[in-house]
Amino acid sequence: MIPRILGLPVGTSFDLDRAMLLGTLPPVLGEPPEDTFHFLRAYTGTYLKQEILDEALVRNVAAFTRFLDVAADQSGSLVNYATISRDAGVSGKTVRAYYEVLEDTLLATKLEPYLKSARKRLVMHPKYYLFDLGVVNSLCGRTTVDALRSPAVRGNLFEQFVVLEAYRYLSYQKPDARLYHWRSAGGAEVDLVVERGESLLAIEIKSVPVVRNRDLSGLMSFCADYPSARPVCVCTNDRPYMIGRTPVVPWQELFGKEWLGE
């Protein structure tokens, strides 16, 4: 179920908005949007849930359907089991079990919080990322490009896109890498932390062409606690630049030799 790894170099023709709205499942690549929406509705409405049932992983399809809708809405956010339990109408224990089903079937990726040698109180909740943004949007009822005009929605989808591609890339190219997120109790956060041996890479993800100094406060807080970490901010700009000592690079460069590909 893992779509192709992108890892595209800068300059490669690629429709980021399409990928964020329609996803990158092989059956939808290159297809007209109306055909893609039809496929995604069928996939999420029938095949996806039936596949879980066929594996005898859940017994109550109605409860799992409600959970899946909520999980899609919460994809990429800190998991609050109590809130999801209330919204889906199932117990907290069932919510945890359903998330395990999504993990076991590769329908979701779990990011644990980075807690090593913590010097401050940290948020302990994990994040889950559903495996494809087309599926996420279909479950959330976002089926037009207008959804991307909301800065909050666009920012969330771009973060999910980068995290999912980083996970796929590293799963194949550097399976020893471990991926985390980081958030302090005071609200400072880093979207993605990549650990390989003694190497630590802190990644901030911004869906804007111009990044400001204030956008890097989470990276600065993380690096104050972990001075050996390499910070980088990825964005939608087409050329790299520096803010202080922090590189700001086009998202495609994250997959090059300087960063994840080193």
C-alpha atoms as a PDB file:
ATOM      1  CA  MET A   1       0.000   0.000   0.000  1.00  0.00           C
ATOM      2  CA  ILE A   2       3.014   2.328   0.108  1.00  0.00           C
ATOM      3  CA  PRO A   3       2.936   4.618  -2.939  1.00  0.00           C
ATOM      4  CA  ARG A   4       6.038   5.333  -4.976  1.00  0.00           C
ATOM      5  CA  ILE A   5       8.796   7.336  -3.384  1.00  0.00           C
ATOM      6  CA  LEU A   6       9.019  10.797  -4.896  1.00  0.00           C
ATOM      7  CA  GLY A   7      12.362  12.246  -3.781  1.00  0.00           C
ATOM      8  CA  LEU A   8      12.253  14.550  -6.794  1.00  0.00           C
ATOM      9  CA  PRO A   9      15.150  16.906  -7.499  1.00  0.00           C
ATOM     10  CA  VAL A  10      14.536  20.625  -7.763  1.00  0.00           C
ATOM     11  CA  GLY A  11      13.342  21.492 -11.254  1.00  0.00           C
ATOM     12  CA  THR A  12      11.463  18.252 -11.828  1.00  0.00           C
ATOM     13  CA  SER A  13       7.939  18.794 -13.098  1.00  0.00           C
ATOM     14  CA  PHE A  14       5.593  17.900 -10.264  1.00  0.00           C
ATOM     15  CA  ASP A  15       2.163  19.204  -9.301  1.00  0.00           C
ATOM     16  CA  LEU A  16       2.367  19.626  -5.540  1.00  0.00           C
ATOM     17  CA  ASP A  17      -1.205  20.901  -5.210  1.00  0.00           C
ATOM     18  CA  ARG A  18      -2.513  17.831  -7.013  1.00  0.00           C
ATOM     19  CA  ALA A  19      -0.493  15.531  -4.752  1.00  0.00           C
ATOM     20  CA  MET A  20      -1.766  17.289  -1.632  1.00  0.00           C
ATOM     21  CA  LEU A  21      -5.378  17.085  -2.794  1.00  0.00           C
ATOM     22  CA  LEU A  22      -5.552  13.786  -4.702  1.00  0.00           C
ATOM     23  CA  GLY A  23      -2.656  11.849  -3.198  1.00  0.00           C
ATOM     24  CA  THR A  24      -0.086   9.683  -4.959  1.00  0.00           C
ATOM     25  CA  LEU A  25      -1.674   6.237  -5.154  1.00  0.00           C
ATOM     26  CA  PRO A  26      -0.580   4.622  -8.461  1.00  0.00           C
ATOM     27  CA  PRO A  27      -4.156   4.273  -9.838  1.00  0.00           C
ATOM     28  CA  VAL A  28      -4.734   8.047  -9.643  1.00  0.00           C
ATOM     29  CA  LEU A  29      -1.458   9.300 -11.089  1.00  0.00           C
ATOM     30  CA  GLY A  30      -2.123  11.114 -14.337  1.00  0.00           C
ATOM     31  CA  GLU A  31      -5.873  10.540 -14.190  1.00  0.00           C
ATOM     32  CA  PRO A  32      -8.367  13.420 -14.615  1.00  0.00           C
ATOM     33  CA  PRO A  33      -9.509  14.878 -11.275  1.00  0.00           C
ATOM     34  CA  GLU A  34     -13.119  13.725 -11.727  1.00  0.00           C
ATOM     35  CA  ASP A  35     -11.979  10.115 -12.283  1.00  0.00           C
ATOM     36  CA  THR A  36      -9.652  10.380  -9.312  1.00  0.00           C
ATOM     37  CA  PHE A  37     -12.422  11.622  -7.015  1.00  0.00           C
ATOM     38  CA  HIS A  38     -14.611   8.727  -8.161  1.00  0.00           C
ATOM     39  CA  PHE A  39     -11.842   6.215  -7.438  1.00  0.00           C
ATOM     40  CA  LEU A  40     -11.098   7.697  -4.017  1.00  0.00           C
ATOM     41  CA  ARG A  41     -14.759   7.691  -3.007  1.00  0.00           C
ATOM     42  CA  ALA A  42     -15.033   4.039  -4.003  1.00  0.00           C
ATOM     43  CA  TYR A  43     -11.736   3.180  -2.331  1.00  0.00           C
ATOM     44  CA  THR A  44     -12.541   4.809   0.988  1.00  0.00           C
ATOM     45  CA  GLY A  45     -16.227   3.897   0.935  1.00  0.00           C
ATOM     46  CA  THR A  46     -15.882   0.230   0.111  1.00  0.00           C
ATOM     47  CA  TYR A  47     -12.478  -1.295  -0.545  1.00  0.00           C
ATOM     48  CA  LEU A  48     -10.528   0.186   2.336  1.00  0.00           C
ATOM     49  CA  LYS A  49     -13.048  -0.834   4.982  1.00  0.00           C
ATOM     50  CA  GLN A  50     -13.749  -4.191   3.356  1.00  0.00           C
ATOM     51  CA  GLU A  51     -10.048  -4.981   3.318  1.00  0.00           C
ATOM     52  CA  ILE A  52      -9.900  -4.483   7.078  1.00  0.00           C
ATOM     53  CA  LEU A  53     -12.989  -6.639   7.567  1.00  0.00           C
ATOM     54  CA  ASP A  54     -11.631  -9.397   5.328  1.00  0.00           C
ATOM     55  CA  GLU A  55      -8.566  -9.584   7.543  1.00  0.00           C
ATOM     56  CA  ALA A  56     -10.924 -10.068  10.512  1.00  0.00           C
ATOM     57  CA  LEU A  57      -9.176  -7.195  12.266  1.00  0.00           C
ATOM     58  CA  VAL A  58     -12.376  -5.436  13.342  1.00  0.00           C
ATOM     59  CA  ARG A  59     -15.878  -6.714  13.948  1.00  0.00           C
ATOM     60  CA  ASN A  60     -17.977  -3.568  14.109  1.00  0.00           C
ATOM     61  CA  VAL A  61     -17.826  -1.904  10.688  1.00  0.00           C
ATOM     62  CA  ALA A  62     -20.017   1.038  11.739  1.00  0.00           C
ATOM     63  CA  ALA A  63     -17.760   1.873  14.686  1.00  0.00           C
ATOM     64  CA  PHE A  64     -14.618   1.492  12.585  1.00  0.00           C
ATOM     65  CA  THR A  65     -16.116   3.712   9.874  1.00  0.00           C
ATOM     66  CA  ARG A  66     -16.780   6.474  12.405  1.00  0.00           C
ATOM     67  CA  PHE A  67     -13.273   6.097  13.785  1.00  0.00           C
ATOM     68  CA  LEU A  68     -11.699   6.213  10.320  1.00  0.00           C
ATOM     69  CA  ASP A  69     -13.457   9.491   9.535  1.00  0.00           C
ATOM     70  CA  VAL A  70     -12.174  11.027  12.771  1.00  0.00           C
ATOM     71  CA  ALA A  71      -8.674   9.587  12.252  1.00  0.00           C
ATOM     72  CA  ALA A  72      -8.549  11.207   8.808  1.00  0.00           C
ATOM     73  CA  ASP A  73      -9.550  14.562  10.270  1.00  0.00           C
ATOM     74  CA  GLN A  74      -6.850  14.165  12.955  1.00  0.00           C
ATOM     75  CA  SER A  75      -4.134  12.880  10.598  1.00  0.00           C
ATOM     76  CA  GLY A  76      -0.865  14.637  11.382  1.00  0.00           C
ATOM     77  CA  SER A  77      -2.142  16.078  14.665  1.00  0.00           C
ATOM     78  CA  LEU A  78      -1.319  15.150  18.233  1.00  0.00           C
ATOM     79  CA  VAL A  79      -3.511  12.230  19.222  1.00  0.00           C
ATOM     80  CA  ASN A  80      -6.002  12.873  21.989  1.00  0.00           C
ATOM     81  CA  TYR A  81      -7.547   9.469  22.626  1.00  0.00           C
ATOM     82  CA  ALA A  82     -10.325  10.889  24.807  1.00  0.00           C
ATOM     83  CA  THR A  83     -11.457  13.352  22.126  1.00  0.00           C
ATOM     84  CA  ILE A  84     -11.349  10.739  19.369  1.00  0.00           C
ATOM     85  CA  SER A  85     -13.218   8.294  21.607  1.00  0.00           C
ATOM     86  CA  ARG A  86     -15.978  10.855  22.136  1.00  0.00           C
ATOM     87  CA  ASP A  87     -16.205  11.899  18.475  1.00  0.00           C
ATOM     88  CA  ALA A  88     -16.181   8.325  17.146  1.00  0.00           C
ATOM     89  CA  GLY A  89     -18.507   6.965  19.821  1.00  0.00           C
ATOM     90  CA  VAL A  90     -16.178   4.150  20.867  1.00  0.00           C
ATOM     91  CA  SER A  91     -14.112   3.464  23.974  1.00  0.00           C
ATOM     92  CA  GLY A  92     -10.575   4.747  24.397  1.00  0.00           C
ATOM     93  CA  LYS A  93      -9.356   1.157  24.391  1.00  0.00           C
ATOM     94  CA  THR A  94     -11.062   0.592  21.041  1.00  0.00           C
ATOM     95  CA  VAL A  95      -9.510   3.762  19.601  1.00  0.00           C
ATOM     96  CA  ARG A  96      -6.044   2.491  20.509  1.00  0.00           C
ATOM     97  CA  ALA A  97      -6.840  -0.916  19.023  1.00  0.00           C
ATOM     98  CA  TYR A  98      -8.085   0.657  15.785  1.00  0.00           C
ATOM     99  CA  TYR A  99      -4.920   2.738  15.456  1.00  0.00           C
ATOM    100  CA  GLU A 100      -2.898  -0.446  15.885  1.00  0.00           C
ATOM    101  CA  VAL A 101      -4.910  -1.971  13.035  1.00  0.00           C
ATOM    102  CA  LEU A 102      -4.045   0.995  10.813  1.00  0.00           C
ATOM    103  CA  GLU A 103      -0.367   0.610  11.700  1.00  0.00           C
ATOM    104  CA  ASP A 104      -0.316  -3.155  11.171  1.00  0.00           C
ATOM    105  CA  THR A 105      -1.945  -2.828   7.740  1.00  0.00           C
ATOM    106  CA  LEU A 106       0.387   0.051   6.729  1.00  0.00           C
ATOM    107  CA  LEU A 107      -2.567   2.418   6.502  1.00  0.00           C
ATOM    108  CA  ALA A 108      -0.980   4.792   9.002  1.00  0.00           C
ATOM    109  CA  THR A 109       2.461   5.808  10.197  1.00  0.00           C
ATOM    110  CA  LYS A 110       3.011   6.552  13.875  1.00  0.00           C
ATOM    111  CA  LEU A 111       5.444   9.199  15.086  1.00  0.00           C
ATOM    112  CA  GLU A 112       6.357   8.959  18.743  1.00  0.00           C
ATOM    113  CA  PRO A 113       7.539  12.074  20.591  1.00  0.00           C
ATOM    114  CA  TYR A 114      11.304  12.524  20.852  1.00  0.00           C
ATOM    115  CA  LEU A 115      12.033  12.296  24.570  1.00  0.00           C
ATOM    116  CA  LYS A 116      15.722  11.450  24.874  1.00  0.00           C
ATOM    117  CA  SER A 117      17.678  13.462  27.444  1.00  0.00           C
ATOM    118  CA  ALA A 118      14.778  15.869  27.773  1.00  0.00           C
ATOM    119  CA  ARG A 119      15.602  19.077  29.640  1.00  0.00           C
ATOM    120  CA  LYS A 120      12.036  20.371  29.822  1.00  0.00           C
ATOM    121  CA  ARG A 121       8.509  19.008  30.117  1.00  0.00           C
ATOM    122  CA  LEU A 122       7.426  17.548  26.802  1.00  0.00           C
ATOM    123  CA  VAL A 123       4.128  16.559  25.236  1.00  0.00           C
ATOM    124  CA  MET A 124       3.934  12.763  25.315  1.00  0.00           C
ATOM    125  CA  HIS A 125       1.227  12.167  22.693  1.00  0.00           C
ATOM    126  CA  PRO A 126       2.071  10.457  19.389  1.00  0.00           C
ATOM    127  CA  LYS A 127       0.980  11.537  15.930  1.00  0.00           C
ATOM    128  CA  TYR A 128      -0.532   9.302  13.265  1.00  0.00           C
ATOM    129  CA  TYR A 129      -0.326  10.010   9.546  1.00  0.00           C
ATOM    130  CA  LEU A 130      -2.754   8.201   7.251  1.00  0.00           C
ATOM    131  CA  PHE A 131      -0.871   6.753   4.309  1.00  0.00           C
ATOM    132  CA  ASP A 132      -2.246   8.865   1.426  1.00  0.00           C
ATOM    133  CA  LEU A 133      -3.552  12.414   1.231  1.00  0.00           C
ATOM    134  CA  GLY A 134      -6.156  11.584  -1.400  1.00  0.00           C
ATOM    135  CA  VAL A 135      -7.645   9.092   1.033  1.00  0.00           C
ATOM    136  CA  VAL A 136      -7.452  11.634   3.863  1.00  0.00           C
ATOM    137  CA  ASN A 137      -9.224  14.296   1.822  1.00  0.00           C
ATOM    138  CA  SER A 138     -11.867  11.894   0.554  1.00  0.00           C
ATOM    139  CA  LEU A 139     -12.706  10.825   4.105  1.00  0.00           C
ATOM    140  CA  CYS A 140     -12.808  14.489   5.181  1.00  0.00           C
ATOM    141  CA  GLY A 141     -15.034  15.515   2.280  1.00  0.00           C
ATOM    142  CA  ARG A 142     -12.407  17.757   0.669  1.00  0.00           C
ATOM    143  CA  THR A 143     -12.866  17.144  -3.042  1.00  0.00           C
ATOM    144  CA  THR A 144     -12.048  20.460  -4.725  1.00  0.00           C
ATOM    145  CA  VAL A 145      -8.940  22.587  -5.004  1.00  0.00           C
ATOM    146  CA  ASP A 146     -10.753  25.254  -2.969  1.00  0.00           C
ATOM    147  CA  ALA A 147      -9.782  23.277   0.135  1.00  0.00           C
ATOM    148  CA  LEU A 148      -6.152  24.251  -0.448  1.00  0.00           C
ATOM    149  CA  ARG A 149      -6.996  27.955  -0.193  1.00  0.00           C
ATOM    150  CA  SER A 150      -7.334  27.673   3.572  1.00  0.00           C
ATOM    151  CA  PRO A 151      -3.859  28.373   5.032  1.00  0.00           C
ATOM    152  CA  ALA A 152      -4.538  26.004   7.939  1.00  0.00           C
ATOM    153  CA  VAL A 153      -5.643  23.125   5.693  1.00  0.00           C
ATOM    154  CA  ARG A 154      -2.845  23.721   3.210  1.00  0.00           C
ATOM    155  CA  GLY A 155      -0.246  23.872   5.968  1.00  0.00           C
ATOM    156  CA  ASN A 156      -1.478  20.639   7.515  1.00  0.00           C
ATOM    157  CA  LEU A 157      -1.570  18.803   4.172  1.00  0.00           C
ATOM    158  CA  PHE A 158       1.905  20.025   3.202  1.00  0.00           C
ATOM    159  CA  GLU A 159       3.305  18.840   6.516  1.00  0.00           C
ATOM    160  CA  GLN A 160       1.666  15.440   6.046  1.00  0.00           C
ATOM    161  CA  PHE A 161       3.002  15.233   2.489  1.00  0.00           C
ATOM    162  CA  VAL A 162       6.605  15.898   3.528  1.00  0.00           C
ATOM    163  CA  VAL A 163       6.462  13.588   6.554  1.00  0.00           C
ATOM    164  CA  LEU A 164       4.981  10.718   4.523  1.00  0.00           C
ATOM    165  CA  GLU A 165       7.530  11.095   1.733  1.00  0.00           C
ATOM    166  CA  ALA A 166      10.376  11.265   4.251  1.00  0.00           C
ATOM    167  CA  TYR A 167       9.080   8.115   5.933  1.00  0.00           C
ATOM    168  CA  ARG A 168       8.864   6.232   2.623  1.00  0.00           C
ATOM    169  CA  TYR A 169      12.239   7.433   1.447  1.00  0.00           C
ATOM    170  CA  LEU A 170      14.010   6.480   4.659  1.00  0.00           C
ATOM    171  CA  SER A 171      12.170   3.162   4.975  1.00  0.00           C
ATOM    172  CA  TYR A 172      13.767   2.062   1.711  1.00  0.00           C
ATOM    173  CA  GLN A 173      17.047   3.948   1.649  1.00  0.00           C
ATOM    174  CA  LYS A 174      18.025   4.139   5.325  1.00  0.00           C
ATOM    175  CA  PRO A 175      15.973   1.658   7.358  1.00  0.00           C
ATOM    176  CA  ASP A 176      18.051   2.343  10.471  1.00  0.00           C
ATOM    177  CA  ALA A 177      16.640   5.878  10.678  1.00  0.00           C
ATOM    178  CA  ARG A 178      14.062   6.631  13.359  1.00  0.00           C
ATOM    179  CA  LEU A 179      11.429   9.332  12.923  1.00  0.00           C
ATOM    180  CA  TYR A 180       9.857  11.368  15.718  1.00  0.00           C
ATOM    181  CA  HIS A 181       8.075  14.640  16.387  1.00  0.00           C
ATOM    182  CA  TRP A 182       8.873  17.011  19.257  1.00  0.00           C
ATOM    183  CA  ARG A 183       6.749  19.418  21.249  1.00  0.00           C
ATOM    184  CA  SER A 184       7.410  21.088  24.575  1.00  0.00           C
ATOM    185  CA  ALA A 185       4.732  21.683  27.175  1.00  0.00           C
ATOM    186  CA  GLY A 186       5.152  25.378  26.400  1.00  0.00           C
ATOM    187  CA  GLY A 187       4.141  24.878  22.765  1.00  0.00           C
ATOM    188  CA  ALA A 188       7.502  24.900  20.971  1.00  0.00           C
ATOM    189  CA  GLU A 189       7.526  22.165  18.349  1.00  0.00           C
ATOM    190  CA  VAL A 190       9.499  20.534  15.566  1.00  0.00           C
ATOM    191  CA  ASP A 191       7.518  18.754  12.876  1.00  0.00           C
ATOM    192  CA  LEU A 192       9.995  15.950  12.200  1.00  0.00           C
ATOM    193  CA  VAL A 193      13.070  14.658  14.012  1.00  0.00           C
ATOM    194  CA  VAL A 194      15.234  12.086  12.227  1.00  0.00           C
ATOM    195  CA  GLU A 195      17.714  10.078  14.287  1.00  0.00           C
ATOM    196  CA  ARG A 196      20.407   7.866  12.756  1.00  0.00           C
ATOM    197  CA  GLY A 197      22.984   6.654  15.228  1.00  0.00           C
ATOM    198  CA  GLU A 198      24.548   9.792  16.707  1.00  0.00           C
ATOM    199  CA  SER A 199      23.110  11.999  13.953  1.00  0.00           C
ATOM    200  CA  LEU A 200      20.065  14.132  14.707  1.00  0.00           C
ATOM    201  CA  LEU A 201      18.189  16.162  12.089  1.00  0.00           C
ATOM    202  CA  ALA A 202      15.434  18.595  13.118  1.00  0.00           C
ATOM    203  CA  ILE A 203      13.020  19.540  10.313  1.00  0.00           C
ATOM    204  CA  GLU A 204      10.484  22.362  10.301  1.00  0.00           C
ATOM    205  CA  ILE A 205       7.896  22.216   7.490  1.00  0.00           C
ATOM    206  CA  LYS A 206       6.273  25.424   6.207  1.00  0.00           C
ATOM    207  CA  SER A 207       3.814  25.679   3.316  1.00  0.00           C
ATOM    208  CA  VAL A 208       4.968  29.183   2.398  1.00  0.00           C
ATOM    209  CA  PRO A 209       7.503  30.531  -0.110  1.00  0.00           C
ATOM    210  CA  VAL A 210       9.015  32.961   2.411  1.00  0.00           C
ATOM    211  CA  VAL A 211       9.950  31.811   5.907  1.00  0.00           C
ATOM    212  CA  ARG A 212      10.406  34.362   8.692  1.00  0.00           C
ATOM    213  CA  ASN A 213      12.634  34.207  11.730  1.00  0.00           C
ATOM    214  CA  ARG A 214       9.605  33.693  13.980  1.00  0.00           C
ATOM    215  CA  ASP A 215       8.760  30.516  12.045  1.00  0.00           C
ATOM    216  CA  LEU A 216      11.955  28.920  13.351  1.00  0.00           C
ATOM    217  CA  SER A 217      11.309  29.313  17.083  1.00  0.00           C
ATOM    218  CA  GLY A 218      10.611  25.596  17.502  1.00  0.00           C
ATOM    219  CA  LEU A 219      13.883  24.647  15.811  1.00  0.00           C
ATOM    220  CA  MET A 220      15.775  27.124  17.974  1.00  0.00           C
ATOM    221  CA  SER A 221      14.213  25.708  21.138  1.00  0.00           C
ATOM    222  CA  PHE A 222      15.013  22.137  20.079  1.00  0.00           C
ATOM    223  CA  CYS A 223      18.621  22.961  19.187  1.00  0.00           C
ATOM    224  CA  ALA A 224      19.083  24.714  22.517  1.00  0.00           C
ATOM    225  CA  ASP A 225      18.297  21.373  24.177  1.00  0.00           C
ATOM    226  CA  TYR A 226      20.154  19.298  21.562  1.00  0.00           C
ATOM    227  CA  PRO A 227      23.150  21.373  20.384  1.00  0.00           C
ATOM    228  CA  SER A 228      24.444  18.621  18.087  1.00  0.00           C
ATOM    229  CA  ALA A 229      21.220  18.566  16.040  1.00  0.00           C
ATOM    230  CA  ARG A 230      21.241  19.922  12.490  1.00  0.00           C
ATOM    231  CA  PRO A 231      18.261  22.210  11.869  1.00  0.00           C
ATOM    232  CA  VAL A 232      16.608  22.733   8.493  1.00  0.00           C
ATOM    233  CA  CYS A 233      13.364  24.324   7.374  1.00  0.00           C
ATOM    234  CA  VAL A 234      11.694  23.092   4.181  1.00  0.00           C
ATOM    235  CA  CYS A 235       9.207  25.243   2.312  1.00  0.00           C
ATOM    236  CA  THR A 236       7.705  25.881  -1.119  1.00  0.00           C
ATOM    237  CA  ASN A 237      10.358  28.366  -2.233  1.00  0.00           C
ATOM    238  CA  ASP A 238      12.423  27.425  -5.297  1.00  0.00           C
ATOM    239  CA  ARG A 239      15.825  28.400  -3.926  1.00  0.00           C
ATOM    240  CA  PRO A 240      17.679  27.870  -0.637  1.00  0.00           C
ATOM    241  CA  TYR A 241      18.713  30.649   1.719  1.00  0.00           C
ATOM    242  CA  MET A 242      19.776  31.113   5.342  1.00  0.00           C
ATOM    243  CA  ILE A 243      18.054  32.640   8.345  1.00  0.00           C
ATOM    244  CA  GLY A 244      20.841  33.063  10.848  1.00  0.00           C
ATOM    245  CA  ARG A 245      22.436  29.620  11.011  1.00  0.00           C
ATOM    246  CA  THR A 246      19.358  27.745   9.832  1.00  0.00           C
ATOM    247  CA  PRO A 247      19.132  26.634   6.184  1.00  0.00           C
ATOM    248  CA  VAL A 248      15.756  27.173   4.506  1.00  0.00           C
ATOM    249  CA  VAL A 249      15.451  24.924   1.454  1.00  0.00           C
ATOM    250  CA  PRO A 250      12.890  23.857  -1.171  1.00  0.00           C
ATOM    251  CA  TRP A 251      11.120  20.720   0.033  1.00  0.00           C
ATOM    252  CA  GLN A 252      12.614  18.657  -2.812  1.00  0.00           C
ATOM    253  CA  GLU A 253      16.125  19.283  -1.492  1.00  0.00           C
ATOM    254  CA  LEU A 254      15.281  17.439   1.710  1.00  0.00           C
ATOM    255  CA  PHE A 255      15.750  14.197  -0.236  1.00  0.00           C
ATOM    256  CA  GLY A 256      19.166  15.163  -1.585  1.00  0.00           C
ATOM    257  CA  LYS A 257      22.630  14.270  -0.307  1.00  0.00           C
ATOM    258  CA  GLU A 258      22.854  17.255   2.005  1.00  0.00           C
ATOM    259  CA  TRP A 259      19.971  16.088   4.182  1.00  0.00           C
ATOM    260  CA  LEU A 260      18.072  12.787   4.180  1.00  0.00           C
ATOM    261  CA  GLY A 261      20.183  11.364   1.371  1.00  0.00           C
ATOM    262  CA  GLU A 262      23.530  11.932   3.050  1.00  0.00           C
END
